[in-house]
PDB file of N, CA and C in Angstrom:
ATOM      1  N   MET A   1       4.693 -17.217  18.724  1.00  0.00           N
ATOM      2  CA  MET A   1       4.248 -17.675  17.426  1.00  0.00           C
ATOM      3  C   MET A   1       5.448 -18.175  16.642  1.00  0.00           C
ATOM      4  N   SER A   2       5.338 -19.361  16.071  1.00  0.00           N
ATOM      5  CA  SER A   2       6.466 -19.932  15.349  1.00  0.00           C
ATOM      6  C   SER A   2       6.548 -19.365  13.937  1.00  0.00           C
ATOM      7  N   ARG A   3       7.718 -19.495  13.372  1.00  0.00           N
ATOM      8  CA  ARG A   3       7.988 -19.000  12.031  1.00  0.00           C
ATOM      9  C   ARG A   3       7.167 -19.760  11.004  1.00  0.00           C
ATOM     10  N   ARG A   4       6.673 -19.057   9.995  1.00  0.00           N
ATOM     11  CA  ARG A   4       5.939 -19.663   8.886  1.00  0.00           C
ATOM     12  C   ARG A   4       6.873 -19.765   7.690  1.00  0.00           C
ATOM     13  N   PHE A   5       7.365 -20.968   7.443  1.00  0.00           N
ATOM     14  CA  PHE A   5       8.247 -21.182   6.304  1.00  0.00           C
ATOM     15  C   PHE A   5       7.429 -21.250   5.023  1.00  0.00           C
ATOM     16  N   VAL A   6       8.062 -20.961   3.916  1.00  0.00           N
ATOM     17  CA  VAL A   6       7.396 -20.945   2.616  1.00  0.00           C
ATOM     18  C   VAL A   6       6.672 -22.262   2.350  1.00  0.00           C
ATOM     19  N   THR A   7       7.297 -23.386   2.664  1.00  0.00           N
ATOM     20  CA  THR A   7       6.667 -24.683   2.380  1.00  0.00           C
ATOM     21  C   THR A   7       5.466 -24.961   3.278  1.00  0.00           C
ATOM     22  N   ASP A   8       5.252 -24.155   4.317  1.00  0.00           N
ATOM     23  CA  ASP A   8       4.097 -24.329   5.210  1.00  0.00           C
ATOM     24  C   ASP A   8       2.879 -23.529   4.754  1.00  0.00           C
ATOM     25  N   LEU A   9       3.048 -22.693   3.740  1.00  0.00           N
ATOM     26  CA  LEU A   9       1.966 -21.806   3.316  1.00  0.00           C
ATOM     27  C   LEU A   9       0.940 -22.554   2.468  1.00  0.00           C
ATOM     28  N   ASN A  10      -0.328 -22.193   2.673  1.00  0.00           N
ATOM     29  CA  ASN A  10      -1.433 -22.805   1.933  1.00  0.00           C
ATOM     30  C   ASN A  10      -2.343 -21.724   1.366  1.00  0.00           C
ATOM     31  N   ASP A  11      -3.035 -22.070   0.288  1.00  0.00           N
ATOM     32  CA  ASP A  11      -3.960 -21.159  -0.375  1.00  0.00           C
ATOM     33  C   ASP A  11      -4.966 -20.578   0.625  1.00  0.00           C
ATOM     34  N   GLY A  12      -5.128 -19.259   0.574  1.00  0.00           N
ATOM     35  CA  GLY A  12      -6.105 -18.584   1.407  1.00  0.00           C
ATOM     36  C   GLY A  12      -5.608 -18.111   2.755  1.00  0.00           C
ATOM     37  N   GLU A  13      -4.404 -18.507   3.143  1.00  0.00           N
ATOM     38  CA  GLU A  13      -3.876 -18.122   4.456  1.00  0.00           C
ATOM     39  C   GLU A  13      -3.386 -16.679   4.469  1.00  0.00           C
ATOM     40  N   ILE A  14      -3.516 -16.060   5.625  1.00  0.00           N
ATOM     41  CA  ILE A  14      -2.989 -14.719   5.861  1.00  0.00           C
ATOM     42  C   ILE A  14      -1.563 -14.878   6.399  1.00  0.00           C
ATOM     43  N   VAL A  15      -0.643 -14.081   5.882  1.00  0.00           N
ATOM     44  CA  VAL A  15       0.772 -14.185   6.253  1.00  0.00           C
ATOM     45  C   VAL A  15       1.254 -12.864   6.831  1.00  0.00           C
ATOM     46  N   ASP A  16       2.026 -12.964   7.890  1.00  0.00           N
ATOM     47  CA  ASP A  16       2.732 -11.830   8.483  1.00  0.00           C
ATOM     48  C   ASP A  16       4.081 -12.386   8.918  1.00  0.00           C
ATOM     49  N   GLU A  17       5.090 -12.264   8.057  1.00  0.00           N
ATOM     50  CA  GLU A  17       6.357 -12.968   8.280  1.00  0.00           C
ATOM     51  C   GLU A  17       7.518 -12.227   7.623  1.00  0.00           C
ATOM     52  N   VAL A  18       8.736 -12.584   8.029  1.00  0.00           N
ATOM     53  CA  VAL A  18       9.954 -12.018   7.454  1.00  0.00           C
ATOM     54  C   VAL A  18      10.553 -13.024   6.474  1.00  0.00           C
ATOM     55  N   TYR A  19      10.909 -12.531   5.288  1.00  0.00           N
ATOM     56  CA  TYR A  19      11.557 -13.344   4.261  1.00  0.00           C
ATOM     57  C   TYR A  19      12.718 -12.568   3.661  1.00  0.00           C
ATOM     58  N   LEU A  20      13.550 -13.276   2.923  1.00  0.00           N
ATOM     59  CA  LEU A  20      14.685 -12.677   2.221  1.00  0.00           C
ATOM     60  C   LEU A  20      14.268 -12.394   0.784  1.00  0.00           C
ATOM     61  N   VAL A  21      14.569 -11.215   0.279  1.00  0.00           N
ATOM     62  CA  VAL A  21      14.250 -10.854  -1.097  1.00  0.00           C
ATOM     63  C   VAL A  21      15.354 -11.401  -2.003  1.00  0.00           C
ATOM     64  N   SER A  22      14.999 -12.358  -2.862  1.00  0.00           N
ATOM     65  CA  SER A  22      16.008 -12.897  -3.772  1.00  0.00           C
ATOM     66  C   SER A  22      15.930 -12.242  -5.151  1.00  0.00           C
ATOM     67  N   ASP A  23      14.813 -11.563  -5.436  1.00  0.00           N
ATOM     68  CA  ASP A  23      14.692 -10.813  -6.687  1.00  0.00           C
ATOM     69  C   ASP A  23      13.591  -9.772  -6.521  1.00  0.00           C
ATOM     70  N   LYS A  24      13.806  -8.608  -7.096  1.00  0.00           N
ATOM     71  CA  LYS A  24      12.821  -7.522  -7.027  1.00  0.00           C
ATOM     72  C   LYS A  24      12.679  -6.910  -8.412  1.00  0.00           C
ATOM     73  N   GLN A  25      11.428  -6.749  -8.830  1.00  0.00           N
ATOM     74  CA  GLN A  25      11.167  -6.086 -10.105  1.00  0.00           C
ATOM     75  C   GLN A  25       9.951  -5.183  -9.957  1.00  0.00           C
ATOM     76  N   LEU A  26      10.042  -4.029 -10.529  1.00  0.00           N
ATOM     77  CA  LEU A  26       8.923  -3.108 -10.608  1.00  0.00           C
ATOM     78  C   LEU A  26       8.411  -3.203 -12.043  1.00  0.00           C
ATOM     79  N   ARG A  27       7.148  -3.597 -12.206  1.00  0.00           N
ATOM     80  CA  ARG A  27       6.594  -3.829 -13.538  1.00  0.00           C
ATOM     81  C   ARG A  27       5.335  -2.997 -13.740  1.00  0.00           C
ATOM     82  N   ALA A  28       4.936  -2.890 -15.001  1.00  0.00           N
ATOM     83  CA  ALA A  28       3.691  -2.209 -15.339  1.00  0.00           C
ATOM     84  C   ALA A  28       2.683  -3.239 -15.825  1.00  0.00           C
ATOM     85  N   ASN A  29       1.429  -3.082 -15.383  1.00  0.00           N
ATOM     86  CA  ASN A  29       0.391  -3.987 -15.871  1.00  0.00           C
ATOM     87  C   ASN A  29      -0.155  -3.459 -17.202  1.00  0.00           C
ATOM     88  N   ARG A  30      -1.214  -4.077 -17.709  1.00  0.00           N
ATOM     89  CA  ARG A  30      -1.790  -3.681 -19.002  1.00  0.00           C
ATOM     90  C   ARG A  30      -2.267  -2.230 -19.024  1.00  0.00           C
ATOM     91  N   ASN A  31      -2.619  -1.718 -17.865  1.00  0.00           N
ATOM     92  CA  ASN A  31      -3.107  -0.338 -17.783  1.00  0.00           C
ATOM     93  C   ASN A  31      -2.008   0.651 -17.404  1.00  0.00           C
ATOM     94  N   ALA A  32      -0.774   0.196 -17.435  1.00  0.00           N
ATOM     95  CA  ALA A  32       0.411   1.008 -17.128  1.00  0.00           C
ATOM     96  C   ALA A  32       0.543   1.346 -15.648  1.00  0.00           C
ATOM     97  N   ALA A  33      -0.241   0.715 -14.790  1.00  0.00           N
ATOM     98  CA  ALA A  33      -0.086   0.904 -13.341  1.00  0.00           C
ATOM     99  C   ALA A  33       1.060   0.016 -12.863  1.00  0.00           C
ATOM    100  N   LEU A  34       1.888   0.551 -11.987  1.00  0.00           N
ATOM    101  CA  LEU A  34       3.040  -0.199 -11.501  1.00  0.00           C
ATOM    102  C   LEU A  34       2.650  -1.198 -10.422  1.00  0.00           C
ATOM    103  N   TYR A  35       3.352  -2.355 -10.424  1.00  0.00           N
ATOM    104  CA  TYR A  35       3.217  -3.322  -9.334  1.00  0.00           C
ATOM    105  C   TYR A  35       4.593  -3.877  -9.011  1.00  0.00           C
ATOM    106  N   LEU A  36       4.749  -4.299  -7.767  1.00  0.00           N
ATOM    107  CA  LEU A  36       6.001  -4.868  -7.280  1.00  0.00           C
ATOM    108  C   LEU A  36       5.918  -6.385  -7.366  1.00  0.00           C
ATOM    109  N   SER A  37       6.943  -6.997  -7.938  1.00  0.00           N
ATOM    110  CA  SER A  37       7.066  -8.452  -7.967  1.00  0.00           C
ATOM    111  C   SER A  37       8.362  -8.803  -7.242  1.00  0.00           C
ATOM    112  N   VAL A  38       8.247  -9.564  -6.150  1.00  0.00           N
ATOM    113  CA  VAL A  38       9.428  -9.948  -5.382  1.00  0.00           C
ATOM    114  C   VAL A  38       9.429 -11.453  -5.163  1.00  0.00           C
ATOM    115  N   ASP A  39      10.590 -12.064  -5.344  1.00  0.00           N
ATOM    116  CA  ASP A  39      10.758 -13.463  -4.981  1.00  0.00           C
ATOM    117  C   ASP A  39      11.241 -13.483  -3.543  1.00  0.00           C
ATOM    118  N   LEU A  40      10.460 -14.119  -2.687  1.00  0.00           N
ATOM    119  CA  LEU A  40      10.737 -14.172  -1.254  1.00  0.00           C
ATOM    120  C   LEU A  40      11.165 -15.579  -0.900  1.00  0.00           C
ATOM    121  N   ARG A  41      12.238 -15.702  -0.100  1.00  0.00           N
ATOM    122  CA  ARG A  41      12.687 -17.046   0.225  1.00  0.00           C
ATOM    123  C   ARG A  41      13.099 -17.173   1.677  1.00  0.00           C
ATOM    124  N   ASP A  42      13.121 -18.434   2.105  1.00  0.00           N
ATOM    125  CA  ASP A  42      13.693 -18.827   3.378  1.00  0.00           C
ATOM    126  C   ASP A  42      14.380 -20.164   3.122  1.00  0.00           C
ATOM    127  N   LYS A  43      14.758 -20.866   4.180  1.00  0.00           N
ATOM    128  CA  LYS A  43      15.511 -22.101   3.977  1.00  0.00           C
ATOM    129  C   LYS A  43      14.680 -23.208   3.332  1.00  0.00           C
ATOM    130  N   SER A  44      13.360 -23.084   3.355  1.00  0.00           N
ATOM    131  CA  SER A  44      12.505 -24.143   2.826  1.00  0.00           C
ATOM    132  C   SER A  44      12.146 -23.965   1.355  1.00  0.00           C
ATOM    133  N   GLY A  45      12.237 -22.754   0.847  1.00  0.00           N
ATOM    134  CA  GLY A  45      11.864 -22.539  -0.547  1.00  0.00           C
ATOM    135  C   GLY A  45      11.617 -21.085  -0.870  1.00  0.00           C
ATOM    136  N   MET A  46      10.878 -20.872  -1.988  1.00  0.00           N
ATOM    137  CA  MET A  46      10.654 -19.518  -2.473  1.00  0.00           C
ATOM    138  C   MET A  46       9.198 -19.372  -2.916  1.00  0.00           C
ATOM    139  N   ILE A  47       8.678 -18.157  -2.777  1.00  0.00           N
ATOM    140  CA  ILE A  47       7.341 -17.810  -3.248  1.00  0.00           C
ATOM    141  C   ILE A  47       7.404 -16.408  -3.833  1.00  0.00           C
ATOM    142  N   ASN A  48       6.636 -16.176  -4.899  1.00  0.00           N
ATOM    143  CA  ASN A  48       6.583 -14.846  -5.490  1.00  0.00           C
ATOM    144  C   ASN A  48       5.536 -14.022  -4.757  1.00  0.00           C
ATOM    145  N   GLY A  49       5.892 -12.787  -4.455  1.00  0.00           N
ATOM    146  CA  GLY A  49       4.968 -11.846  -3.839  1.00  0.00           C
ATOM    147  C   GLY A  49       4.669 -10.723  -4.809  1.00  0.00           C
ATOM    148  N   ARG A  50       3.423 -10.275  -4.816  1.00  0.00           N
ATOM    149  CA  ARG A  50       3.026  -9.169  -5.686  1.00  0.00           C
ATOM    150  C   ARG A  50       2.256  -8.141  -4.882  1.00  0.00           C
ATOM    151  N   MET A  51       2.623  -6.881  -5.111  1.00  0.00           N
ATOM    152  CA  MET A  51       1.905  -5.770  -4.492  1.00  0.00           C
ATOM    153  C   MET A  51       1.449  -4.853  -5.620  1.00  0.00           C
ATOM    154  N   TRP A  52       0.149  -4.645  -5.684  1.00  0.00           N
ATOM    155  CA  TRP A  52      -0.450  -3.864  -6.764  1.00  0.00           C
ATOM    156  C   TRP A  52      -0.444  -2.382  -6.452  1.00  0.00           C
ATOM    157  N   ASN A  53      -0.468  -1.574  -7.524  1.00  0.00           N
ATOM    158  CA  ASN A  53      -0.622  -0.115  -7.438  1.00  0.00           C
ATOM    159  C   ASN A  53       0.415   0.530  -6.526  1.00  0.00           C
ATOM    160  N   VAL A  54       1.665   0.346  -6.857  1.00  0.00           N
ATOM    161  CA  VAL A  54       2.758   0.935  -6.095  1.00  0.00           C
ATOM    162  C   VAL A  54       3.400   2.060  -6.906  1.00  0.00           C
ATOM    163  N   SER A  55       4.305   2.772  -6.273  1.00  0.00           N
ATOM    164  CA  SER A  55       5.094   3.785  -6.974  1.00  0.00           C
ATOM    165  C   SER A  55       6.571   3.435  -6.807  1.00  0.00           C
ATOM    166  N   GLU A  56       7.406   4.024  -7.619  1.00  0.00           N
ATOM    167  CA  GLU A  56       8.846   3.786  -7.486  1.00  0.00           C
ATOM    168  C   GLU A  56       9.332   4.199  -6.102  1.00  0.00           C
ATOM    169  N   ASP A  57       8.826   5.310  -5.594  1.00  0.00           N
ATOM    170  CA  ASP A  57       9.238   5.792  -4.272  1.00  0.00           C
ATOM    171  C   ASP A  57       8.839   4.828  -3.160  1.00  0.00           C
ATOM    172  N   SER A  58       7.637   4.272  -3.248  1.00  0.00           N
ATOM    173  CA  SER A  58       7.164   3.386  -2.181  1.00  0.00           C
ATOM    174  C   SER A  58       7.940   2.075  -2.122  1.00  0.00           C
ATOM    175  N   CYS A  59       8.618   1.722  -3.203  1.00  0.00           N
ATOM    176  CA  CYS A  59       9.372   0.459  -3.252  1.00  0.00           C
ATOM    177  C   CYS A  59      10.881   0.651  -3.192  1.00  0.00           C
ATOM    178  N   SER A  60      11.326   1.883  -3.058  1.00  0.00           N
ATOM    179  CA  SER A  60      12.760   2.169  -3.144  1.00  0.00           C
ATOM    180  C   SER A  60      13.581   1.535  -2.017  1.00  0.00           C
ATOM    181  N   GLU A  61      12.969   1.313  -0.848  1.00  0.00           N
ATOM    182  CA  GLU A  61      13.705   0.733   0.281  1.00  0.00           C
ATOM    183  C   GLU A  61      13.792  -0.795   0.209  1.00  0.00           C
ATOM    184  N   ILE A  62      13.012  -1.417  -0.653  1.00  0.00           N
ATOM    185  CA  ILE A  62      13.027  -2.873  -0.802  1.00  0.00           C
ATOM    186  C   ILE A  62      14.154  -3.234  -1.763  1.00  0.00           C
ATOM    187  N   GLN A  63      15.131  -4.012  -1.276  1.00  0.00           N
ATOM    188  CA  GLN A  63      16.308  -4.330  -2.077  1.00  0.00           C
ATOM    189  C   GLN A  63      16.551  -5.834  -2.137  1.00  0.00           C
ATOM    190  N   THR A  64      17.037  -6.292  -3.279  1.00  0.00           N
ATOM    191  CA  THR A  64      17.442  -7.688  -3.423  1.00  0.00           C
ATOM    192  C   THR A  64      18.545  -7.988  -2.415  1.00  0.00           C
ATOM    193  N   GLY A  65      18.432  -9.123  -1.723  1.00  0.00           N
ATOM    194  CA  GLY A  65      19.416  -9.513  -0.723  1.00  0.00           C
ATOM    195  C   GLY A  65      19.113  -9.014   0.675  1.00  0.00           C
ATOM    196  N   ALA A  66      18.022  -8.258   0.815  1.00  0.00           N
ATOM    197  CA  ALA A  66      17.642  -7.709   2.127  1.00  0.00           C
ATOM    198  C   ALA A  66      16.445  -8.480   2.678  1.00  0.00           C
ATOM    199  N   TYR A  67      16.232  -8.326   3.970  1.00  0.00           N
ATOM    200  CA  TYR A  67      15.088  -8.950   4.630  1.00  0.00           C
ATOM    201  C   TYR A  67      13.919  -7.985   4.629  1.00  0.00           C
ATOM    202  N   VAL A  68      12.712  -8.550   4.475  1.00  0.00           N
ATOM    203  CA  VAL A  68      11.504  -7.738   4.524  1.00  0.00           C
ATOM    204  C   VAL A  68      10.436  -8.444   5.350  1.00  0.00           C
ATOM    205  N   ARG A  69       9.643  -7.652   6.032  1.00  0.00           N
ATOM    206  CA  ARG A  69       8.458  -8.187   6.707  1.00  0.00           C
ATOM    207  C   ARG A  69       7.294  -7.944   5.768  1.00  0.00           C
ATOM    208  N   VAL A  70       6.639  -9.016   5.398  1.00  0.00           N
ATOM    209  CA  VAL A  70       5.517  -8.908   4.472  1.00  0.00           C
ATOM    210  C   VAL A  70       4.224  -9.311   5.163  1.00  0.00           C
ATOM    211  N   ARG A  71       3.157  -8.680   4.733  1.00  0.00           N
ATOM    212  CA  ARG A  71       1.819  -9.060   5.158  1.00  0.00           C
ATOM    213  C   ARG A  71       0.968  -9.187   3.900  1.00  0.00           C
ATOM    214  N   GLY A  72       0.175 -10.255   3.874  1.00  0.00           N
ATOM    215  CA  GLY A  72      -0.665 -10.462   2.710  1.00  0.00           C
ATOM    216  C   GLY A  72      -1.385 -11.791   2.786  1.00  0.00           C
ATOM    217  N   LYS A  73      -1.894 -12.220   1.639  1.00  0.00           N
ATOM    218  CA  LYS A  73      -2.687 -13.434   1.571  1.00  0.00           C
ATOM    219  C   LYS A  73      -2.134 -14.358   0.483  1.00  0.00           C
ATOM    220  N   VAL A  74      -2.028 -15.640   0.817  1.00  0.00           N
ATOM    221  CA  VAL A  74      -1.558 -16.639  -0.141  1.00  0.00           C
ATOM    222  C   VAL A  74      -2.687 -16.925  -1.121  1.00  0.00           C
ATOM    223  N   GLN A  75      -2.330 -16.991  -2.403  1.00  0.00           N
ATOM    224  CA  GLN A  75      -3.317 -17.214  -3.447  1.00  0.00           C
ATOM    225  C   GLN A  75      -2.768 -18.215  -4.454  1.00  0.00           C
ATOM    226  N   LEU A  76      -3.620 -19.137  -4.873  1.00  0.00           N
ATOM    227  CA  LEU A  76      -3.257 -20.095  -5.913  1.00  0.00           C
ATOM    228  C   LEU A  76      -3.597 -19.467  -7.251  1.00  0.00           C
ATOM    229  N   PHE A  77      -2.572 -19.313  -8.121  1.00  0.00           N
ATOM    230  CA  PHE A  77      -2.774 -18.717  -9.435  1.00  0.00           C
ATOM    231  C   PHE A  77      -2.102 -19.600 -10.473  1.00  0.00           C
ATOM    232  N   GLN A  78      -2.879 -20.139 -11.386  1.00  0.00           N
ATOM    233  CA  GLN A  78      -2.392 -21.025 -12.437  1.00  0.00           C
ATOM    234  C   GLN A  78      -1.558 -22.169 -11.865  1.00  0.00           C
ATOM    235  N   GLY A  79      -2.052 -22.732 -10.753  1.00  0.00           N
ATOM    236  CA  GLY A  79      -1.422 -23.899 -10.149  1.00  0.00           C
ATOM    237  C   GLY A  79      -0.215 -23.615  -9.275  1.00  0.00           C
ATOM    238  N   ILE A  80       0.117 -22.350  -9.088  1.00  0.00           N
ATOM    239  CA  ILE A  80       1.296 -21.976  -8.292  1.00  0.00           C
ATOM    240  C   ILE A  80       0.864 -21.009  -7.192  1.00  0.00           C
ATOM    241  N   LEU A  81       1.376 -21.229  -5.981  1.00  0.00           N
ATOM    242  CA  LEU A  81       1.074 -20.313  -4.880  1.00  0.00           C
ATOM    243  C   LEU A  81       1.845 -19.016  -5.061  1.00  0.00           C
ATOM    244  N   GLN A  82       1.182 -17.917  -4.776  1.00  0.00           N
ATOM    245  CA  GLN A  82       1.827 -16.608  -4.738  1.00  0.00           C
ATOM    246  C   GLN A  82       1.282 -15.863  -3.538  1.00  0.00           C
ATOM    247  N   LEU A  83       1.945 -14.789  -3.184  1.00  0.00           N
ATOM    248  CA  LEU A  83       1.560 -14.006  -2.022  1.00  0.00           C
ATOM    249  C   LEU A  83       1.141 -12.622  -2.500  1.00  0.00           C
ATOM    250  N   ILE A  84      -0.127 -12.283  -2.282  1.00  0.00           N
ATOM    251  CA  ILE A  84      -0.619 -10.949  -2.631  1.00  0.00           C
ATOM    252  C   ILE A  84      -0.377 -10.054  -1.416  1.00  0.00           C
ATOM    253  N   LEU A  85       0.527  -9.111  -1.568  1.00  0.00           N
ATOM    254  CA  LEU A  85       1.018  -8.308  -0.454  1.00  0.00           C
ATOM    255  C   LEU A  85       0.189  -7.053  -0.218  1.00  0.00           C
ATOM    256  N   THR A  86      -0.014  -6.752   1.059  1.00  0.00           N
ATOM    257  CA  THR A  86      -0.606  -5.476   1.451  1.00  0.00           C
ATOM    258  C   THR A  86       0.454  -4.572   2.085  1.00  0.00           C
ATOM    259  N   HIS A  87       1.518  -5.178   2.644  1.00  0.00           N
ATOM    260  CA  HIS A  87       2.635  -4.443   3.239  1.00  0.00           C
ATOM    261  C   HIS A  87       3.940  -5.176   2.912  1.00  0.00           C
ATOM    262  N   CYS A  88       4.982  -4.399   2.731  1.00  0.00           N
ATOM    263  CA  CYS A  88       6.321  -4.961   2.499  1.00  0.00           C
ATOM    264  C   CYS A  88       7.319  -3.927   3.010  1.00  0.00           C
ATOM    265  N   ASP A  89       7.901  -4.215   4.184  1.00  0.00           N
ATOM    266  CA  ASP A  89       8.769  -3.247   4.846  1.00  0.00           C
ATOM    267  C   ASP A  89      10.135  -3.852   5.138  1.00  0.00           C
ATOM    268  N   PRO A  90      11.208  -3.084   4.960  1.00  0.00           N
ATOM    269  CA  PRO A  90      12.551  -3.586   5.267  1.00  0.00           C
ATOM    270  C   PRO A  90      12.702  -3.945   6.739  1.00  0.00           C
ATOM    271  N   VAL A  91      13.550  -4.949   7.008  1.00  0.00           N
ATOM    272  CA  VAL A  91      13.847  -5.394   8.364  1.00  0.00           C
ATOM    273  C   VAL A  91      15.366  -5.455   8.510  1.00  0.00           C
ATOM    274  N   SER A  92      15.882  -4.984   9.617  1.00  0.00           N
ATOM    275  CA  SER A  92      17.318  -5.027   9.870  1.00  0.00           C
ATOM    276  C   SER A  92      17.798  -6.474   9.990  1.00  0.00           C
ATOM    277  N   ALA A  93      18.919  -6.780   9.371  1.00  0.00           N
ATOM    278  CA  ALA A  93      19.484  -8.128   9.437  1.00  0.00           C
ATOM    279  C   ALA A  93      19.813  -8.528  10.869  1.00  0.00           C
ATOM    280  N   SER A  94      20.037  -7.566  11.739  1.00  0.00           N
ATOM    281  CA  SER A  94      20.359  -7.873  13.136  1.00  0.00           C
ATOM    282  C   SER A  94      19.158  -8.455  13.893  1.00  0.00           C
ATOM    283  N   LEU A  95      17.970  -8.299  13.351  1.00  0.00           N
ATOM    284  CA  LEU A  95      16.760  -8.801  13.998  1.00  0.00           C
ATOM    285  C   LEU A  95      16.335 -10.174  13.483  1.00  0.00           C
ATOM    286  N   VAL A  96      17.143 -10.757  12.594  1.00  0.00           N
ATOM    287  CA  VAL A  96      16.778 -11.991  11.916  1.00  0.00           C
ATOM    288  C   VAL A  96      17.777 -13.090  12.255  1.00  0.00           C
ATOM    289  N   ASP A  97      17.294 -14.322  12.408  1.00  0.00           N
ATOM    290  CA  ASP A  97      18.168 -15.474  12.595  1.00  0.00           C
ATOM    291  C   ASP A  97      18.565 -15.992  11.216  1.00  0.00           C
ATOM    292  N   PRO A  98      19.825 -15.823  10.807  1.00  0.00           N
ATOM    293  CA  PRO A  98      20.237 -16.206   9.453  1.00  0.00           C
ATOM    294  C   PRO A  98      20.050 -17.702   9.153  1.00  0.00           C
ATOM    295  N   VAL A  99      19.985 -18.538  10.178  1.00  0.00           N
ATOM    296  CA  VAL A  99      19.781 -19.976   9.980  1.00  0.00           C
ATOM    297  C   VAL A  99      18.439 -20.227   9.284  1.00  0.00           C
ATOM    298  N   ASP A 100      17.454 -19.380   9.537  1.00  0.00           N
ATOM    299  CA  ASP A 100      16.141 -19.541   8.919  1.00  0.00           C
ATOM    300  C   ASP A 100      16.165 -19.315   7.410  1.00  0.00           C
ATOM    301  N   PHE A 101      17.284 -18.796   6.890  1.00  0.00           N
ATOM    302  CA  PHE A 101      17.356 -18.443   5.480  1.00  0.00           C
ATOM    303  C   PHE A 101      18.457 -19.189   4.732  1.00  0.00           C
ATOM    304  N   GLU A 102      19.180 -20.078   5.424  1.00  0.00           N
ATOM    305  CA  GLU A 102      20.205 -20.883   4.762  1.00  0.00           C
ATOM    306  C   GLU A 102      19.517 -22.008   4.037  1.00  0.00           C
ATOM    307  N   LYS A 103      19.891 -22.223   2.787  1.00  0.00           N
ATOM    308  CA  LYS A 103      19.249 -23.256   1.988  1.00  0.00           C
ATOM    309  C   LYS A 103      19.467 -24.626   2.613  1.00  0.00           C
ATOM    310  N   MET A 104      18.398 -25.409   2.595  1.00  0.00           N
ATOM    311  CA  MET A 104      18.458 -26.766   3.131  1.00  0.00           C
ATOM    312  C   MET A 104      19.147 -27.676   2.122  1.00  0.00           C
ATOM    313  N   SER A 105      19.762 -28.713   2.627  1.00  0.00           N
ATOM    314  CA  SER A 105      20.417 -29.683   1.774  1.00  0.00           C
ATOM    315  C   SER A 105      19.393 -30.368   0.887  1.00  0.00           C
ATOM    316  N   SER A 106      19.756 -30.624  -0.341  1.00  0.00           N
ATOM    317  CA  SER A 106      18.846 -31.315  -1.251  1.00  0.00           C
ATOM    318  C   SER A 106      18.924 -32.826  -1.095  1.00  0.00           C
ATOM    319  N   VAL A 107      19.873 -33.305  -0.262  1.00  0.00           N
ATOM    320  CA  VAL A 107      19.992 -34.737  -0.015  1.00  0.00           C
ATOM    321  C   VAL A 107      18.812 -35.183   0.827  1.00  0.00           C
ATOM    322  N   LYS A 108      18.220 -36.288   0.455  1.00  0.00           N
ATOM    323  CA  LYS A 108      17.052 -36.776   1.187  1.00  0.00           C
ATOM    324  C   LYS A 108      17.443 -37.241   2.584  1.00  0.00           C
ATOM    325  N   VAL A 109      16.552 -37.009   3.522  1.00  0.00           N
ATOM    326  CA  VAL A 109      16.779 -37.367   4.916  1.00  0.00           C
ATOM    327  C   VAL A 109      17.011 -38.871   5.048  1.00  0.00           C
ATOM    328  N   GLU A 110      16.266 -39.651   4.281  1.00  0.00           N
ATOM    329  CA  GLU A 110      16.417 -41.107   4.352  1.00  0.00           C
ATOM    330  C   GLU A 110      17.834 -41.543   3.974  1.00  0.00           C
ATOM    331  N   GLN A 111      18.392 -40.891   2.962  1.00  0.00           N
ATOM    332  CA  GLN A 111      19.757 -41.212   2.543  1.00  0.00           C
ATOM    333  C   GLN A 111      20.761 -40.868   3.641  1.00  0.00           C
ATOM    334  N   LEU A 112      20.566 -39.733   4.275  1.00  0.00           N
ATOM    335  CA  LEU A 112      21.457 -39.335   5.360  1.00  0.00           C
ATOM    336  C   LEU A 112      21.343 -40.298   6.537  1.00  0.00           C
ATOM    337  N   LEU A 113      20.138 -40.728   6.850  1.00  0.00           N
ATOM    338  CA  LEU A 113      19.922 -41.672   7.935  1.00  0.00           C
ATOM    339  C   LEU A 113      20.591 -43.006   7.638  1.00  0.00           C
ATOM    340  N   GLU A 114      20.481 -43.468   6.415  1.00  0.00           N
ATOM    341  CA  GLU A 114      21.117 -44.730   6.025  1.00  0.00           C
ATOM    342  C   GLU A 114      22.642 -44.618   6.115  1.00  0.00           C
ATOM    343  N   GLN A 115      23.192 -43.502   5.710  1.00  0.00           N
ATOM    344  CA  GLN A 115      24.635 -43.282   5.809  1.00  0.00           C
ATOM    345  C   GLN A 115      25.064 -43.298   7.281  1.00  0.00           C
ATOM    346  N   LEU A 116      24.284 -42.689   8.124  1.00  0.00           N
ATOM    347  CA  LEU A 116      24.582 -42.663   9.554  1.00  0.00           C
ATOM    348  C   LEU A 116      24.534 -44.068  10.142  1.00  0.00           C
ATOM    349  N   ARG A 117      23.517 -44.848   9.776  1.00  0.00           N
ATOM    350  CA  ARG A 117      23.415 -46.238  10.250  1.00  0.00           C
ATOM    351  C   ARG A 117      24.622 -47.044   9.797  1.00  0.00           C
ATOM    352  N   THR A 118      25.001 -46.905   8.543  1.00  0.00           N
ATOM    353  CA  THR A 118      26.131 -47.637   7.994  1.00  0.00           C
ATOM    354  C   THR A 118      27.410 -47.288   8.745  1.00  0.00           C
ATOM    355  N   THR A 119      27.588 -46.005   9.006  1.00  0.00           N
ATOM    356  CA  THR A 119      28.786 -45.546   9.705  1.00  0.00           C
ATOM    357  C   THR A 119      28.821 -46.071  11.146  1.00  0.00           C
ATOM    358  N   LEU A 120      27.687 -45.981  11.821  1.00  0.00           N
ATOM    359  CA  LEU A 120      27.653 -46.395  13.229  1.00  0.00           C
ATOM    360  C   LEU A 120      27.695 -47.911  13.406  1.00  0.00           C
ATOM    361  N   LEU A 121      27.039 -48.641  12.531  1.00  0.00           N
ATOM    362  CA  LEU A 121      26.956 -50.096  12.664  1.00  0.00           C
ATOM    363  C   LEU A 121      28.008 -50.821  11.850  1.00  0.00           C
ATOM    364  N   GLY A 122      28.618 -50.113  10.933  1.00  0.00           N
ATOM    365  CA  GLY A 122      29.486 -50.708   9.948  1.00  0.00           C
ATOM    366  C   GLY A 122      30.764 -51.239  10.342  1.00  0.00           C
TER     367      GLY A 122
END
């Protein structure tokens, strides 16, 4: 099974994948119940993940800068995709290919191709 990058995710899809935690916050909703909000990223982009009804203890192993395996469902909320999590577990960095998490260049592919043509034909 191939890797599911953030930019490949669509509303309603079920996800079971490893991402890098770029931000973690434990928040309280209107009823004072705690939920986990994590920004998950890979080389293609970032998506916010939310896990409802958690405790401080259940989220203590999830750390910013660490890899996690998440399971959940992609949901469109106010025009933005988010991931509603059912599981979020730490993953050892030794089990992950770091290339999958290096940010991609913001330079457009067409520009790079034109530069290559100019260099080779120039």
